[in-house]
């Protein structure tokens, strides 16, 4: 069992940036895939980005070029750097950990809200 705790969410304005952090209670070396998902009000949870244990990254089209996922295995931490934020990025962002591909563990989420 591992606990994932997200932080770093908040209010952001057009073109702003945030860095989300996901801290794991145990080593993340065991997980093949760490990821970030998000869920906007009234919508289903959707994938944002993933990173393999080897550092290979994958991004959904709607964040490609704006978001960067990274992992620090020594600190058991995964990051999501979000730049050029848009109103449609407003959502609760969740960290996930997968032994293979499908998430086995989820964090509690951190809210990102676009402020006009």
C-alpha atoms as a PDB file:
ATOM      1  CA  UNK A   1       0.000   0.000   0.000  1.00  0.00           C
ATOM      2  CA  UNK A   2       1.222   3.481  -0.850  1.00  0.00           C
ATOM      3  CA  UNK A   3      -0.286   6.884  -0.179  1.00  0.00           C
ATOM      4  CA  UNK A   4      -0.038   9.640  -2.758  1.00  0.00           C
ATOM      5  CA  UNK A   5      -0.427  13.237  -1.641  1.00  0.00           C
ATOM      6  CA  UNK A   6      -0.805  16.023  -4.168  1.00  0.00           C
ATOM      7  CA  UNK A   7      -0.075  19.675  -3.515  1.00  0.00           C
ATOM      8  CA  UNK A   8       0.533  22.869  -5.421  1.00  0.00           C
ATOM      9  CA  UNK A   9      -2.915  23.625  -6.746  1.00  0.00           C
ATOM     10  CA  UNK A  10      -4.531  27.030  -6.467  1.00  0.00           C
ATOM     11  CA  UNK A  11      -5.860  30.023  -8.349  1.00  0.00           C
ATOM     12  CA  UNK A  12      -4.217  30.936 -11.603  1.00  0.00           C
ATOM     13  CA  UNK A  13      -4.733  33.608 -14.253  1.00  0.00           C
ATOM     14  CA  UNK A  14      -4.476  33.451 -18.002  1.00  0.00           C
ATOM     15  CA  UNK A  15      -1.039  32.374 -19.099  1.00  0.00           C
ATOM     16  CA  UNK A  16       0.007  31.607 -15.567  1.00  0.00           C
ATOM     17  CA  UNK A  17       1.968  28.658 -14.246  1.00  0.00           C
ATOM     18  CA  UNK A  18       1.699  26.173 -11.428  1.00  0.00           C
ATOM     19  CA  UNK A  19       3.775  23.219 -10.362  1.00  0.00           C
ATOM     20  CA  UNK A  20       1.950  20.294  -8.863  1.00  0.00           C
ATOM     21  CA  UNK A  21       3.747  17.851  -6.603  1.00  0.00           C
ATOM     22  CA  UNK A  22       2.848  14.274  -5.807  1.00  0.00           C
ATOM     23  CA  UNK A  23       4.609  12.839  -2.778  1.00  0.00           C
ATOM     24  CA  UNK A  24       4.509   9.081  -2.278  1.00  0.00           C
ATOM     25  CA  UNK A  25       4.728   7.432   1.131  1.00  0.00           C
ATOM     26  CA  UNK A  26       6.943   4.673  -0.243  1.00  0.00           C
ATOM     27  CA  UNK A  27       9.424   4.173  -2.999  1.00  0.00           C
ATOM     28  CA  UNK A  28       8.067   4.790  -6.484  1.00  0.00           C
ATOM     29  CA  UNK A  29      10.753   2.628  -8.084  1.00  0.00           C
ATOM     30  CA  UNK A  30       8.274  -0.253  -8.013  1.00  0.00           C
ATOM     31  CA  UNK A  31       5.803   1.565 -10.256  1.00  0.00           C
ATOM     32  CA  UNK A  32       6.223   1.327 -13.977  1.00  0.00           C
ATOM     33  CA  UNK A  33       3.967   4.274 -14.658  1.00  0.00           C
ATOM     34  CA  UNK A  34       3.297   7.434 -12.682  1.00  0.00           C
ATOM     35  CA  UNK A  35       0.665   9.770 -14.010  1.00  0.00           C
ATOM     36  CA  UNK A  36      -1.455  12.839 -13.639  1.00  0.00           C
ATOM     37  CA  UNK A  37      -5.164  12.873 -14.383  1.00  0.00           C
ATOM     38  CA  UNK A  38      -7.735  15.605 -14.009  1.00  0.00           C
ATOM     39  CA  UNK A  39     -11.470  15.895 -13.556  1.00  0.00           C
ATOM     40  CA  UNK A  40     -13.418  19.018 -14.367  1.00  0.00           C
ATOM     41  CA  UNK A  41     -16.895  19.648 -12.915  1.00  0.00           C
ATOM     42  CA  UNK A  42     -19.489  17.489 -14.652  1.00  0.00           C
ATOM     43  CA  UNK A  43     -16.887  15.647 -16.690  1.00  0.00           C
ATOM     44  CA  UNK A  44     -15.148  12.315 -16.494  1.00  0.00           C
ATOM     45  CA  UNK A  45     -11.625  11.960 -15.208  1.00  0.00           C
ATOM     46  CA  UNK A  46      -9.145  12.233 -18.057  1.00  0.00           C
ATOM     47  CA  UNK A  47      -5.492  11.476 -18.522  1.00  0.00           C
ATOM     48  CA  UNK A  48      -3.081  14.400 -18.614  1.00  0.00           C
ATOM     49  CA  UNK A  49       0.412  12.903 -18.706  1.00  0.00           C
ATOM     50  CA  UNK A  50       2.404   9.838 -17.730  1.00  0.00           C
ATOM     51  CA  UNK A  51       6.028   8.997 -17.092  1.00  0.00           C
ATOM     52  CA  UNK A  52       7.596   5.551 -17.019  1.00  0.00           C
ATOM     53  CA  UNK A  53      10.179   4.303 -14.570  1.00  0.00           C
ATOM     54  CA  UNK A  54      12.714   4.890 -17.308  1.00  0.00           C
ATOM     55  CA  UNK A  55      11.675   8.474 -17.780  1.00  0.00           C
ATOM     56  CA  UNK A  56       9.684   8.163 -20.977  1.00  0.00           C
ATOM     57  CA  UNK A  57       6.879  10.696 -21.035  1.00  0.00           C
ATOM     58  CA  UNK A  58       3.529  10.885 -22.769  1.00  0.00           C
ATOM     59  CA  UNK A  59       1.129  13.809 -22.985  1.00  0.00           C
ATOM     60  CA  UNK A  60      -2.425  14.204 -24.124  1.00  0.00           C
ATOM     61  CA  UNK A  61      -2.857  16.626 -26.996  1.00  0.00           C
ATOM     62  CA  UNK A  62      -4.662  19.231 -24.927  1.00  0.00           C
ATOM     63  CA  UNK A  63      -1.585  19.803 -22.700  1.00  0.00           C
ATOM     64  CA  UNK A  64       1.240  18.946 -25.066  1.00  0.00           C
ATOM     65  CA  UNK A  65       3.792  21.729 -25.235  1.00  0.00           C
ATOM     66  CA  UNK A  66       2.456  23.392 -22.096  1.00  0.00           C
ATOM     67  CA  UNK A  67       2.781  20.777 -19.345  1.00  0.00           C
ATOM     68  CA  UNK A  68       5.852  18.809 -18.271  1.00  0.00           C
ATOM     69  CA  UNK A  69       5.820  15.710 -16.111  1.00  0.00           C
ATOM     70  CA  UNK A  70       8.900  14.573 -14.230  1.00  0.00           C
ATOM     71  CA  UNK A  71       9.787  12.186 -11.454  1.00  0.00           C
ATOM     72  CA  UNK A  72      12.422  12.138  -8.737  1.00  0.00           C
ATOM     73  CA  UNK A  73      12.741   8.535  -7.649  1.00  0.00           C
ATOM     74  CA  UNK A  74      15.152   9.400  -4.840  1.00  0.00           C
ATOM     75  CA  UNK A  75      12.532  11.708  -3.318  1.00  0.00           C
ATOM     76  CA  UNK A  76       9.569   9.503  -4.224  1.00  0.00           C
ATOM     77  CA  UNK A  77       8.012  12.486  -5.926  1.00  0.00           C
ATOM     78  CA  UNK A  78       6.361  13.255  -9.235  1.00  0.00           C
ATOM     79  CA  UNK A  79       5.853  16.742 -10.586  1.00  0.00           C
ATOM     80  CA  UNK A  80       3.620  18.387 -13.123  1.00  0.00           C
ATOM     81  CA  UNK A  81       4.826  21.749 -14.360  1.00  0.00           C
ATOM     82  CA  UNK A  82       1.915  23.573 -15.957  1.00  0.00           C
ATOM     83  CA  UNK A  83       2.575  26.637 -18.096  1.00  0.00           C
ATOM     84  CA  UNK A  84       0.375  28.832 -20.277  1.00  0.00           C
ATOM     85  CA  UNK A  85      -2.662  27.784 -18.322  1.00  0.00           C
ATOM     86  CA  UNK A  86      -6.105  28.156 -19.861  1.00  0.00           C
ATOM     87  CA  UNK A  87      -9.593  28.289 -18.379  1.00  0.00           C
ATOM     88  CA  UNK A  88     -10.257  24.765 -19.609  1.00  0.00           C
ATOM     89  CA  UNK A  89      -7.418  23.529 -17.400  1.00  0.00           C
ATOM     90  CA  UNK A  90      -9.605  24.156 -14.362  1.00  0.00           C
ATOM     91  CA  UNK A  91     -10.042  20.789 -12.645  1.00  0.00           C
ATOM     92  CA  UNK A  92      -9.068  18.630  -9.731  1.00  0.00           C
ATOM     93  CA  UNK A  93      -5.722  17.068 -10.572  1.00  0.00           C
ATOM     94  CA  UNK A  94      -4.957  13.560  -9.374  1.00  0.00           C
ATOM     95  CA  UNK A  95      -1.692  11.693  -9.129  1.00  0.00           C
ATOM     96  CA  UNK A  96      -1.662   7.992  -9.944  1.00  0.00           C
ATOM     97  CA  UNK A  97       0.702   5.059  -9.621  1.00  0.00           C
ATOM     98  CA  UNK A  98       0.544   1.927 -11.753  1.00  0.00           C
ATOM     99  CA  UNK A  99       2.479  -1.297 -11.505  1.00  0.00           C
ATOM    100  CA  UNK A 100       1.881  -1.827 -15.214  1.00  0.00           C
ATOM    101  CA  UNK A 101      -0.417   0.640 -17.027  1.00  0.00           C
ATOM    102  CA  UNK A 102      -3.742   0.946 -15.210  1.00  0.00           C
ATOM    103  CA  UNK A 103      -3.563   2.977 -11.986  1.00  0.00           C
ATOM    104  CA  UNK A 104      -3.412   0.969  -8.783  1.00  0.00           C
ATOM    105  CA  UNK A 105      -3.289   3.966  -6.459  1.00  0.00           C
ATOM    106  CA  UNK A 106      -4.708   7.481  -6.493  1.00  0.00           C
ATOM    107  CA  UNK A 107      -4.099  10.606  -4.508  1.00  0.00           C
ATOM    108  CA  UNK A 108      -6.864  12.740  -3.046  1.00  0.00           C
ATOM    109  CA  UNK A 109      -6.467  15.466  -5.661  1.00  0.00           C
ATOM    110  CA  UNK A 110      -5.520  19.120  -5.725  1.00  0.00           C
ATOM    111  CA  UNK A 111      -7.735  21.845  -7.155  1.00  0.00           C
ATOM    112  CA  UNK A 112      -6.585  24.117  -9.967  1.00  0.00           C
ATOM    113  CA  UNK A 113      -8.935  27.012 -10.611  1.00  0.00           C
ATOM    114  CA  UNK A 114      -8.712  29.590 -13.345  1.00  0.00           C
ATOM    115  CA  UNK A 115      -9.286  33.098 -12.106  1.00  0.00           C
ATOM    116  CA  UNK A 116     -10.429  35.818 -14.449  1.00  0.00           C
END
